[in-house]
Protein backbone atom coordinates (compact mmCIF):
# COMPACT_ATOMS: atom_id res chain seq x y z
CA MET A 1 155.31 103.92 -45.48
CA ALA A 2 155.78 103.87 -49.24
CA ASN A 3 153.43 105.91 -51.34
CA THR A 4 151.30 103.79 -53.65
CA GLN A 5 151.08 106.57 -56.23
CA LYS A 6 153.44 107.03 -59.14
CA LEU A 7 154.95 110.36 -60.16
CA SER A 8 155.91 111.22 -63.73
CA VAL A 9 158.14 114.24 -64.35
CA VAL A 10 158.78 115.58 -67.85
CA ILE A 11 161.94 117.48 -68.74
CA PRO A 12 161.39 119.51 -71.94
CA ALA A 13 164.82 120.13 -73.48
CA TYR A 14 166.12 122.22 -76.37
CA LYS A 15 169.80 122.52 -77.27
CA ALA A 16 170.59 121.06 -73.85
CA GLU A 17 173.47 118.74 -74.68
CA LYS A 18 175.82 120.53 -72.28
CA TYR A 19 173.69 120.00 -69.19
CA ILE A 20 170.94 117.43 -69.87
CA VAL A 21 172.74 114.62 -68.03
CA LYS A 22 173.31 116.87 -65.02
CA ASN A 23 169.61 117.82 -65.12
CA ILE A 24 168.55 114.19 -65.12
CA LYS A 25 170.98 113.26 -62.34
CA ASN A 26 169.85 116.18 -60.16
CA LEU A 27 166.17 115.37 -60.61
CA GLU A 28 166.79 111.66 -60.11
CA SER A 29 168.60 112.41 -56.86
CA VAL A 30 165.64 114.44 -55.59
CA LEU A 31 162.88 112.06 -56.66
CA SER A 32 164.69 109.05 -55.20
CA THR A 33 164.28 110.60 -51.73
CA THR A 34 160.49 110.97 -52.03
CA SER A 35 157.96 108.30 -51.11
CA TYR A 36 156.79 108.05 -54.73
CA ASP A 37 157.59 105.51 -57.37
CA TYR A 38 158.69 107.72 -60.25
CA GLU A 39 159.63 108.02 -63.88
CA ILE A 40 161.55 110.77 -65.68
CA ILE A 41 160.56 111.57 -69.26
CA VAL A 42 162.98 113.65 -71.34
CA VAL A 43 161.48 115.23 -74.45
CA VAL A 44 163.96 116.83 -76.82
CA ASP A 45 162.19 119.63 -78.68
CA GLY A 46 163.75 119.07 -82.10
CA ASP A 47 166.51 116.54 -82.69
CA ILE A 48 169.15 119.03 -83.79
CA ASP A 49 172.10 118.31 -81.50
CA ARG A 50 173.38 115.60 -79.14
CA THR A 51 170.85 116.16 -76.34
CA LEU A 52 168.93 112.97 -77.12
CA GLN A 53 172.05 110.86 -77.53
CA ARG A 54 173.45 112.00 -74.19
CA ALA A 55 170.14 111.42 -72.42
CA ASN A 56 169.86 107.96 -73.94
CA ARG A 57 173.41 107.08 -73.01
CA TYR A 58 172.82 108.01 -69.37
CA ALA A 59 169.43 106.28 -69.25
CA ARG A 60 170.73 102.98 -70.61
CA ASN A 61 169.49 100.14 -68.36
CA LYS A 62 167.46 102.61 -66.26
CA ASN A 63 163.82 101.66 -66.67
CA HIS A 64 162.59 104.75 -64.84
CA ILE A 65 164.08 107.14 -67.43
CA LYS A 66 162.66 107.50 -70.94
CA SER A 67 163.51 109.92 -73.73
CA PHE A 68 161.69 111.03 -76.86
CA THR A 69 162.11 113.54 -79.65
CA TYR A 70 160.70 114.64 -83.00
CA PRO A 71 162.50 116.16 -86.02
CA ASN A 72 161.72 119.88 -85.71
CA ASN A 73 161.67 122.42 -82.89
CA LYS A 74 158.04 123.23 -82.02
CA GLY A 75 158.21 124.98 -78.66
CA LYS A 76 158.43 124.03 -75.00
CA GLY A 77 154.67 123.65 -74.67
CA ASN A 78 154.66 121.02 -77.37
CA ALA A 79 157.49 119.14 -75.65
CA VAL A 80 155.68 119.20 -72.30
CA ARG A 81 152.46 117.92 -73.81
CA HIS A 82 154.30 115.23 -75.76
CA GLY A 83 155.83 114.06 -72.50
CA PHE A 84 152.48 114.20 -70.71
CA SER A 85 151.02 111.92 -73.37
CA LYS A 86 153.68 109.32 -72.52
CA ALA A 87 153.35 109.59 -68.74
CA LYS A 88 152.01 106.72 -66.63
CA GLY A 89 151.90 108.46 -63.24
CA ASP A 90 149.02 109.29 -60.92
CA LEU A 91 150.68 112.71 -60.63
CA ILE A 92 152.27 114.26 -63.71
CA GLY A 93 154.59 117.24 -63.66
CA PHE A 94 157.34 118.99 -65.53
CA ILE A 95 160.48 120.96 -64.76
CA ASP A 96 162.44 123.08 -67.20
CA ALA A 97 165.78 121.89 -68.46
CA GLY A 98 168.70 124.10 -67.47
CA LEU A 99 170.26 124.96 -64.14
CA ASP A 100 168.06 127.94 -63.15
CA LEU A 101 165.49 126.01 -61.11
CA ASP A 102 166.53 123.97 -58.09
CA PRO A 103 164.85 120.54 -58.52
CA ASN A 104 164.58 120.25 -54.73
CA ALA A 105 161.43 122.36 -55.19
CA MET A 106 159.75 119.08 -56.12
CA HIS A 107 159.69 118.22 -52.41
CA MET A 108 157.74 121.40 -51.66
CA LEU A 109 155.36 120.95 -54.58
CA LEU A 110 154.58 117.39 -53.53
CA ALA A 111 154.09 118.43 -49.91
CA HIS A 112 151.74 121.24 -50.96
CA PHE A 113 149.88 118.81 -53.21
CA GLU A 114 149.15 116.59 -50.22
CA TRP A 115 148.42 119.44 -47.80
CA TYR A 116 145.86 121.08 -50.09
CA ASN A 117 144.52 117.94 -51.77
CA ALA A 118 145.24 119.94 -54.91
CA ASP A 119 144.35 119.47 -58.55
CA ILE A 120 147.42 121.44 -59.63
CA ILE A 121 150.43 122.87 -57.82
CA VAL A 122 152.54 125.54 -59.52
CA GLY A 123 155.97 126.77 -58.52
CA SER A 124 155.75 130.48 -57.80
CA LYS A 125 158.31 133.27 -57.70
CA ARG A 126 155.90 135.24 -55.48
CA HIS A 127 155.41 132.66 -52.78
CA PRO A 128 156.69 134.19 -49.51
CA ALA A 129 159.16 131.33 -49.02
CA SER A 130 160.63 131.49 -52.54
CA LYS A 131 164.26 132.50 -53.05
CA ILE A 132 164.69 134.16 -56.42
CA GLU A 133 167.28 136.00 -58.43
CA TYR A 134 166.24 137.08 -61.89
CA PRO A 135 166.61 140.15 -64.14
CA TRP A 136 164.54 143.32 -64.05
CA GLN A 137 163.31 142.71 -67.62
CA ARG A 138 161.76 139.42 -66.55
CA LYS A 139 160.22 141.05 -63.44
CA ILE A 140 158.50 143.69 -65.57
CA LEU A 141 157.09 141.10 -67.94
CA SER A 142 156.04 138.84 -65.08
CA PHE A 143 154.19 141.46 -63.03
CA GLY A 144 152.41 142.90 -66.05
CA TYR A 145 151.45 139.49 -67.36
CA GLN A 146 149.95 138.32 -64.08
CA TYR A 147 147.60 141.32 -63.96
CA ILE A 148 146.48 140.43 -67.47
CA VAL A 149 145.92 136.80 -66.43
CA LEU A 150 143.85 137.84 -63.42
CA PHE A 151 141.73 140.19 -65.54
CA LEU A 152 141.18 137.78 -68.44
CA PHE A 153 140.84 134.44 -66.64
CA GLY A 154 140.20 135.15 -62.97
CA LEU A 155 142.97 132.82 -61.87
CA LYS A 156 143.84 133.85 -58.32
CA ILE A 157 147.43 132.74 -58.31
CA ARG A 158 150.30 135.18 -58.37
CA ASP A 159 152.59 133.43 -60.82
CA THR A 160 151.65 131.12 -63.69
CA GLN A 161 154.88 131.02 -65.67
CA VAL A 162 157.55 129.25 -63.62
CA GLY A 163 158.66 126.05 -65.35
CA ILE A 164 157.74 123.60 -62.62
CA LYS A 165 154.21 122.29 -62.06
CA ILE A 166 152.42 119.11 -60.96
CA PHE A 167 148.95 117.96 -62.08
CA ARG A 168 146.66 115.14 -61.14
CA ALA A 169 146.63 112.60 -63.97
CA GLU A 170 142.88 113.03 -64.40
CA VAL A 171 143.41 116.75 -65.02
CA VAL A 172 146.05 116.03 -67.66
CA LYS A 173 143.74 113.51 -69.33
CA LYS A 174 140.97 116.11 -69.60
CA ILE A 175 143.02 119.10 -70.75
CA LEU A 176 145.57 117.44 -73.03
CA PRO A 177 143.40 116.95 -76.17
CA ARG A 178 142.15 120.53 -75.95
CA LEU A 179 145.49 122.33 -75.88
CA LEU A 180 146.89 124.26 -78.85
CA VAL A 181 149.61 126.63 -77.63
CA LYS A 182 153.06 125.23 -78.34
CA ALA A 183 155.31 127.99 -77.11
CA PHE A 184 154.92 131.17 -75.08
CA ALA A 185 151.57 130.87 -73.25
CA PHE A 186 151.15 127.13 -72.89
CA ASP A 187 151.20 127.39 -69.07
CA ILE A 188 148.22 129.71 -68.95
CA GLU A 189 146.31 127.59 -71.46
CA MET A 190 146.80 124.53 -69.24
CA LEU A 191 145.69 126.37 -66.11
CA ALA A 192 142.80 128.25 -67.73
CA VAL A 193 141.39 125.13 -69.37
CA ALA A 194 141.72 123.12 -66.14
CA ASN A 195 139.92 125.88 -64.24
CA TYR A 196 137.21 126.01 -66.94
CA LEU A 197 136.69 122.24 -66.59
CA GLY A 198 136.11 122.59 -62.85
CA TYR A 199 139.56 121.86 -61.46
CA LYS A 200 139.67 124.85 -59.13
CA ARG A 201 142.13 123.60 -56.54
CA ILE A 202 145.19 125.32 -57.99
CA PHE A 203 147.79 126.42 -55.45
CA GLU A 204 151.33 127.82 -55.33
CA ALA A 205 154.49 126.41 -53.77
CA PRO A 206 157.91 128.01 -53.16
CA ILE A 207 160.92 127.63 -55.44
CA ASN A 208 164.60 128.51 -55.61
CA LEU A 209 165.37 130.31 -58.86
CA LYS A 210 168.62 131.86 -60.01
CA MET A 211 168.25 132.87 -63.62
CA ASP A 212 171.12 133.54 -65.99
CA PHE A 213 169.39 136.03 -68.27
CA SER A 214 172.06 135.72 -70.92
CA GLN A 215 170.91 132.12 -71.48
CA SER A 216 167.15 132.76 -71.24
CA THR A 217 164.57 132.53 -73.98
CA ILE A 218 163.65 136.19 -73.56
CA ALA A 219 167.20 137.32 -74.13
CA SER A 220 167.78 135.05 -77.09
CA LYS A 221 164.56 135.91 -78.89
CA GLY A 222 164.36 139.56 -77.85
CA PHE A 223 162.42 141.10 -74.97
CA ILE A 224 159.90 143.03 -77.08
CA LYS A 225 159.32 140.20 -79.54
CA THR A 226 158.82 137.66 -76.76
CA SER A 227 156.44 139.98 -74.90
CA PHE A 228 154.38 140.45 -78.05
CA TRP A 229 154.02 136.74 -78.76
CA MET A 230 153.27 136.01 -75.11
CA LEU A 231 150.41 138.50 -75.20
CA TRP A 232 149.23 137.26 -78.61
CA ASP A 233 149.05 133.63 -77.46
CA THR A 234 147.34 134.64 -74.23
CA LEU A 235 144.66 136.62 -76.06
CA ALA A 236 144.18 133.65 -78.39
CA VAL A 237 143.51 131.44 -75.36
CA PHE A 238 141.00 134.03 -74.08
CA TYR A 239 139.28 134.12 -77.48
CA ARG A 240 138.98 130.34 -77.62
CA LEU A 241 137.85 130.09 -74.00
CA LYS A 242 135.49 133.04 -73.61
CA ILE A 243 134.33 133.90 -77.13
CA ILE A 244 133.98 130.74 -79.21
CA ASP A 245 133.89 128.15 -76.38
CA PHE A 246 136.48 126.07 -78.22
CA TYR A 247 137.41 123.98 -75.18
CA ASN A 248 133.86 122.67 -74.71
CA TYR A 249 133.55 118.94 -75.38
CA LYS A 250 130.94 119.64 -78.04
CA ASN A 251 133.78 121.05 -80.18
CA ARG A 252 136.02 118.01 -79.83
CA LYS A 253 136.01 117.42 -83.60
CA LEU A 254 137.88 120.72 -83.95
CA TRP A 255 140.68 119.73 -81.60
CA ILE A 256 143.99 119.14 -83.35
CA ASP A 257 146.55 116.48 -82.59
CA TYR A 258 149.54 118.50 -81.33
CA LYS A 259 152.18 115.81 -81.84
């Protein structure tokens, strides 16, 4: 029986002209085998190459694929949130551009969403059924960061940073105006704010990940520099959440339009 719900999946893309069409095709192939009506939303994080043109060319006459951009690169978090603001689905998710993550994980995330009646499902490298291959530098950063997340926010999930997640639309509607982080710690801000607002049903699902570290953000920006800004953004979220209560509705006049 067909599912009456609609699924929106955002692909945040930056300098992805070489593989964006393959990304869209792969995701389209997976989503077409689910029971959900779906839409794919490509958001190009800075219109600086031919990523948008290639996405548009492929999506011509395909009503279930939309693409957007803005002039300057602002960070993956900004691209995800921009896509979320355009989404029409009952469930809204995102998956990183690139060929590291197998989009077939969407099947597992959707299944876990239904099994747990979840508010949010996150792809996790530490799920027992996950198959992963990624560099030791990333493992060090990941393990250390998750201990920090547990200590600061009390989120009892083992991995917050994999670039594939699904949210209930009502969760997105509540958290979206409150979010500020545009780059390194946007995942934890989304999850921490959702948890703060009472959306506690956050669970993990398995993924297949084979990361080419030579093409990763950490490698390109520098391991130490990336680690520093990740920690800085995370502490900023903690400060806003626990110290000044920024995310409380009473402070809505302070919220900034991220677009």
